[in-house]
């Protein structure tokens, strides 16, 4: 049986979007994940703050890794994000995703995104479908 980190490493090898984001895997356990990345210039919007899709993307990657870490293949079926504070060029983001509930076919997760000052900048919630197929 594959370990949670084995599963996440396998996913990351094929996840070119997370690779483009520059995501670094900090910690993985069954049902949880911690990731980090640095905001680059091409991630800014017309207001010269980070595009909302960037914080969404790192939170969504954390959701995917946390949910799949239990060994069942999972895909998101509903997600939502609250952008709490602006994110700027060169900010170092850390996201911590934690399982809220893990049922037979549905799982619920929360990803909290922080900047380098440990300020909460986004809160993301996701629901996943837990496919019967294993990694």
C-alpha atoms as a PDB file:
ATOM      1  CA  UNK A   1       0.000   0.000   0.000  1.00  0.00           C
ATOM      2  CA  UNK A   2       1.282   3.468  -0.902  1.00  0.00           C
ATOM      3  CA  UNK A   3       1.974   5.997   1.850  1.00  0.00           C
ATOM      4  CA  UNK A   4       0.377   9.467   1.789  1.00  0.00           C
ATOM      5  CA  UNK A   5       3.650  11.063   0.618  1.00  0.00           C
ATOM      6  CA  UNK A   6       4.066   8.396  -2.108  1.00  0.00           C
ATOM      7  CA  UNK A   7       0.616   9.288  -3.455  1.00  0.00           C
ATOM      8  CA  UNK A   8       1.232  13.044  -3.348  1.00  0.00           C
ATOM      9  CA  UNK A   9       4.641  12.698  -5.009  1.00  0.00           C
ATOM     10  CA  UNK A  10       3.060  10.601  -7.783  1.00  0.00           C
ATOM     11  CA  UNK A  11       0.335  13.205  -8.257  1.00  0.00           C
ATOM     12  CA  UNK A  12       2.855  16.063  -8.265  1.00  0.00           C
ATOM     13  CA  UNK A  13       4.974  14.403 -10.967  1.00  0.00           C
ATOM     14  CA  UNK A  14       1.995  14.646 -13.349  1.00  0.00           C
ATOM     15  CA  UNK A  15       0.616  17.984 -12.087  1.00  0.00           C
ATOM     16  CA  UNK A  16       2.224  20.521 -14.408  1.00  0.00           C
ATOM     17  CA  UNK A  17       0.027  23.352 -13.104  1.00  0.00           C
ATOM     18  CA  UNK A  18       1.179  22.883  -9.504  1.00  0.00           C
ATOM     19  CA  UNK A  19       4.721  22.642 -10.850  1.00  0.00           C
ATOM     20  CA  UNK A  20       4.247  25.945 -12.753  1.00  0.00           C
ATOM     21  CA  UNK A  21       2.998  27.557  -9.550  1.00  0.00           C
ATOM     22  CA  UNK A  22       6.279  26.526  -7.912  1.00  0.00           C
ATOM     23  CA  UNK A  23       4.531  24.593  -5.158  1.00  0.00           C
ATOM     24  CA  UNK A  24       6.733  22.959  -2.544  1.00  0.00           C
ATOM     25  CA  UNK A  25       5.359  20.071  -0.509  1.00  0.00           C
ATOM     26  CA  UNK A  26       6.056  20.773   3.166  1.00  0.00           C
ATOM     27  CA  UNK A  27       4.129  18.035   4.953  1.00  0.00           C
ATOM     28  CA  UNK A  28       1.673  15.285   4.086  1.00  0.00           C
ATOM     29  CA  UNK A  29      -0.256  13.005   6.411  1.00  0.00           C
ATOM     30  CA  UNK A  30      -3.414  10.991   5.832  1.00  0.00           C
ATOM     31  CA  UNK A  31      -6.122  13.626   5.400  1.00  0.00           C
ATOM     32  CA  UNK A  32      -3.906  16.701   5.590  1.00  0.00           C
ATOM     33  CA  UNK A  33      -1.334  18.593   3.594  1.00  0.00           C
ATOM     34  CA  UNK A  34       0.872  21.672   3.887  1.00  0.00           C
ATOM     35  CA  UNK A  35       2.267  23.430   0.811  1.00  0.00           C
ATOM     36  CA  UNK A  36       4.262  26.597   0.102  1.00  0.00           C
ATOM     37  CA  UNK A  37       4.986  28.846  -2.874  1.00  0.00           C
ATOM     38  CA  UNK A  38       6.262  32.336  -3.717  1.00  0.00           C
ATOM     39  CA  UNK A  39       4.211  34.835  -5.740  1.00  0.00           C
ATOM     40  CA  UNK A  40       5.846  35.789  -9.054  1.00  0.00           C
ATOM     41  CA  UNK A  41       5.248  38.828 -11.278  1.00  0.00           C
ATOM     42  CA  UNK A  42       3.210  36.897 -13.858  1.00  0.00           C
ATOM     43  CA  UNK A  43       0.734  36.008 -11.094  1.00  0.00           C
ATOM     44  CA  UNK A  44      -0.338  39.651 -10.554  1.00  0.00           C
ATOM     45  CA  UNK A  45      -3.563  41.187 -11.836  1.00  0.00           C
ATOM     46  CA  UNK A  46      -4.269  44.728 -13.105  1.00  0.00           C
ATOM     47  CA  UNK A  47      -4.260  46.079  -9.534  1.00  0.00           C
ATOM     48  CA  UNK A  48      -0.724  44.725  -9.052  1.00  0.00           C
ATOM     49  CA  UNK A  49      -1.922  42.289  -6.412  1.00  0.00           C
ATOM     50  CA  UNK A  50      -2.048  38.527  -6.831  1.00  0.00           C
ATOM     51  CA  UNK A  51      -4.818  37.238  -9.061  1.00  0.00           C
ATOM     52  CA  UNK A  52      -7.442  35.441  -6.969  1.00  0.00           C
ATOM     53  CA  UNK A  53      -6.928  32.321  -9.044  1.00  0.00           C
ATOM     54  CA  UNK A  54      -3.451  31.899  -7.568  1.00  0.00           C
ATOM     55  CA  UNK A  55      -4.564  31.592  -3.939  1.00  0.00           C
ATOM     56  CA  UNK A  56      -7.442  29.445  -5.175  1.00  0.00           C
ATOM     57  CA  UNK A  57      -5.028  27.196  -7.080  1.00  0.00           C
ATOM     58  CA  UNK A  58      -2.641  26.517  -4.186  1.00  0.00           C
ATOM     59  CA  UNK A  59      -5.606  25.874  -1.865  1.00  0.00           C
ATOM     60  CA  UNK A  60      -7.151  23.541  -4.449  1.00  0.00           C
ATOM     61  CA  UNK A  61      -3.869  21.650  -4.869  1.00  0.00           C
ATOM     62  CA  UNK A  62      -3.692  21.220  -1.090  1.00  0.00           C
ATOM     63  CA  UNK A  63      -7.265  19.900  -1.136  1.00  0.00           C
ATOM     64  CA  UNK A  64      -6.400  17.394  -3.866  1.00  0.00           C
ATOM     65  CA  UNK A  65      -3.286  16.168  -2.097  1.00  0.00           C
ATOM     66  CA  UNK A  66      -4.955  15.930   1.336  1.00  0.00           C
ATOM     67  CA  UNK A  67      -8.009  14.091   0.004  1.00  0.00           C
ATOM     68  CA  UNK A  68      -6.057  11.633  -2.147  1.00  0.00           C
ATOM     69  CA  UNK A  69      -3.512  10.959   0.609  1.00  0.00           C
ATOM     70  CA  UNK A  70      -5.844   8.395   2.180  1.00  0.00           C
ATOM     71  CA  UNK A  71      -5.358   6.106  -0.825  1.00  0.00           C
ATOM     72  CA  UNK A  72      -8.698   6.489  -2.588  1.00  0.00           C
ATOM     73  CA  UNK A  73      -8.774   8.531  -5.798  1.00  0.00           C
ATOM     74  CA  UNK A  74     -10.681  11.766  -5.134  1.00  0.00           C
ATOM     75  CA  UNK A  75     -11.867  14.679  -7.279  1.00  0.00           C
ATOM     76  CA  UNK A  76     -13.476  17.925  -6.174  1.00  0.00           C
ATOM     77  CA  UNK A  77     -17.206  18.368  -6.717  1.00  0.00           C
ATOM     78  CA  UNK A  78     -17.691  21.732  -5.003  1.00  0.00           C
ATOM     79  CA  UNK A  79     -15.293  24.416  -3.813  1.00  0.00           C
ATOM     80  CA  UNK A  80     -15.468  27.994  -2.527  1.00  0.00           C
ATOM     81  CA  UNK A  81     -12.942  30.593  -1.445  1.00  0.00           C
ATOM     82  CA  UNK A  82     -13.023  33.786   0.606  1.00  0.00           C
ATOM     83  CA  UNK A  83     -10.233  36.245  -0.231  1.00  0.00           C
ATOM     84  CA  UNK A  84      -9.530  37.867   3.130  1.00  0.00           C
ATOM     85  CA  UNK A  85      -6.483  40.065   2.476  1.00  0.00           C
ATOM     86  CA  UNK A  86      -4.471  41.107  -0.603  1.00  0.00           C
ATOM     87  CA  UNK A  87      -1.445  39.072  -1.637  1.00  0.00           C
ATOM     88  CA  UNK A  88       1.553  40.857  -3.145  1.00  0.00           C
ATOM     89  CA  UNK A  89       4.543  40.192  -5.359  1.00  0.00           C
ATOM     90  CA  UNK A  90       7.147  38.003  -3.605  1.00  0.00           C
ATOM     91  CA  UNK A  91       4.764  37.047  -0.808  1.00  0.00           C
ATOM     92  CA  UNK A  92       5.522  33.587   0.476  1.00  0.00           C
ATOM     93  CA  UNK A  93       2.299  31.652   0.803  1.00  0.00           C
ATOM     94  CA  UNK A  94       1.706  28.633   2.981  1.00  0.00           C
ATOM     95  CA  UNK A  95      -1.494  26.625   2.804  1.00  0.00           C
ATOM     96  CA  UNK A  96      -2.626  24.103   5.371  1.00  0.00           C
ATOM     97  CA  UNK A  97      -5.426  21.766   4.336  1.00  0.00           C
ATOM     98  CA  UNK A  98      -7.212  19.690   6.942  1.00  0.00           C
ATOM     99  CA  UNK A  99      -9.869  17.047   6.590  1.00  0.00           C
ATOM    100  CA  UNK A 100     -13.160  17.942   8.253  1.00  0.00           C
ATOM    101  CA  UNK A 101     -15.037  14.755   7.410  1.00  0.00           C
ATOM    102  CA  UNK A 102     -14.172  11.613   5.467  1.00  0.00           C
ATOM    103  CA  UNK A 103     -17.108   9.426   4.487  1.00  0.00           C
ATOM    104  CA  UNK A 104     -17.382   6.465   2.177  1.00  0.00           C
ATOM    105  CA  UNK A 105     -17.996   8.561  -0.960  1.00  0.00           C
ATOM    106  CA  UNK A 106     -17.740  12.213   0.159  1.00  0.00           C
ATOM    107  CA  UNK A 107     -15.013  14.134   1.966  1.00  0.00           C
ATOM    108  CA  UNK A 108     -14.958  17.743   3.276  1.00  0.00           C
ATOM    109  CA  UNK A 109     -11.788  19.826   3.631  1.00  0.00           C
ATOM    110  CA  UNK A 110     -10.680  23.309   4.639  1.00  0.00           C
ATOM    111  CA  UNK A 111      -7.558  24.994   3.275  1.00  0.00           C
ATOM    112  CA  UNK A 112      -6.208  28.082   5.047  1.00  0.00           C
ATOM    113  CA  UNK A 113      -3.751  30.256   3.114  1.00  0.00           C
ATOM    114  CA  UNK A 114      -1.260  32.415   5.045  1.00  0.00           C
ATOM    115  CA  UNK A 115       1.405  34.901   3.979  1.00  0.00           C
ATOM    116  CA  UNK A 116       4.941  35.087   5.350  1.00  0.00           C
ATOM    117  CA  UNK A 117       3.692  37.206   8.285  1.00  0.00           C
ATOM    118  CA  UNK A 118       1.346  34.350   9.315  1.00  0.00           C
ATOM    119  CA  UNK A 119      -1.624  36.497   8.297  1.00  0.00           C
ATOM    120  CA  UNK A 120      -4.636  34.592   6.983  1.00  0.00           C
ATOM    121  CA  UNK A 121      -5.191  35.760   3.378  1.00  0.00           C
ATOM    122  CA  UNK A 122      -7.721  33.187   2.110  1.00  0.00           C
ATOM    123  CA  UNK A 123     -10.079  30.503   3.406  1.00  0.00           C
ATOM    124  CA  UNK A 124     -11.044  27.701   1.003  1.00  0.00           C
ATOM    125  CA  UNK A 125     -13.583  24.929   1.509  1.00  0.00           C
ATOM    126  CA  UNK A 126     -13.918  21.888  -0.689  1.00  0.00           C
ATOM    127  CA  UNK A 127     -16.013  18.783  -1.078  1.00  0.00           C
ATOM    128  CA  UNK A 128     -14.593  15.778  -2.890  1.00  0.00           C
ATOM    129  CA  UNK A 129     -16.021  12.624  -4.377  1.00  0.00           C
ATOM    130  CA  UNK A 130     -14.124   9.587  -3.084  1.00  0.00           C
ATOM    131  CA  UNK A 131     -13.906   7.213  -6.051  1.00  0.00           C
ATOM    132  CA  UNK A 132     -13.855   3.482  -5.239  1.00  0.00           C
ATOM    133  CA  UNK A 133     -10.566   3.161  -7.181  1.00  0.00           C
ATOM    134  CA  UNK A 134      -7.381   3.224  -5.115  1.00  0.00           C
ATOM    135  CA  UNK A 135      -3.949   4.635  -5.920  1.00  0.00           C
END
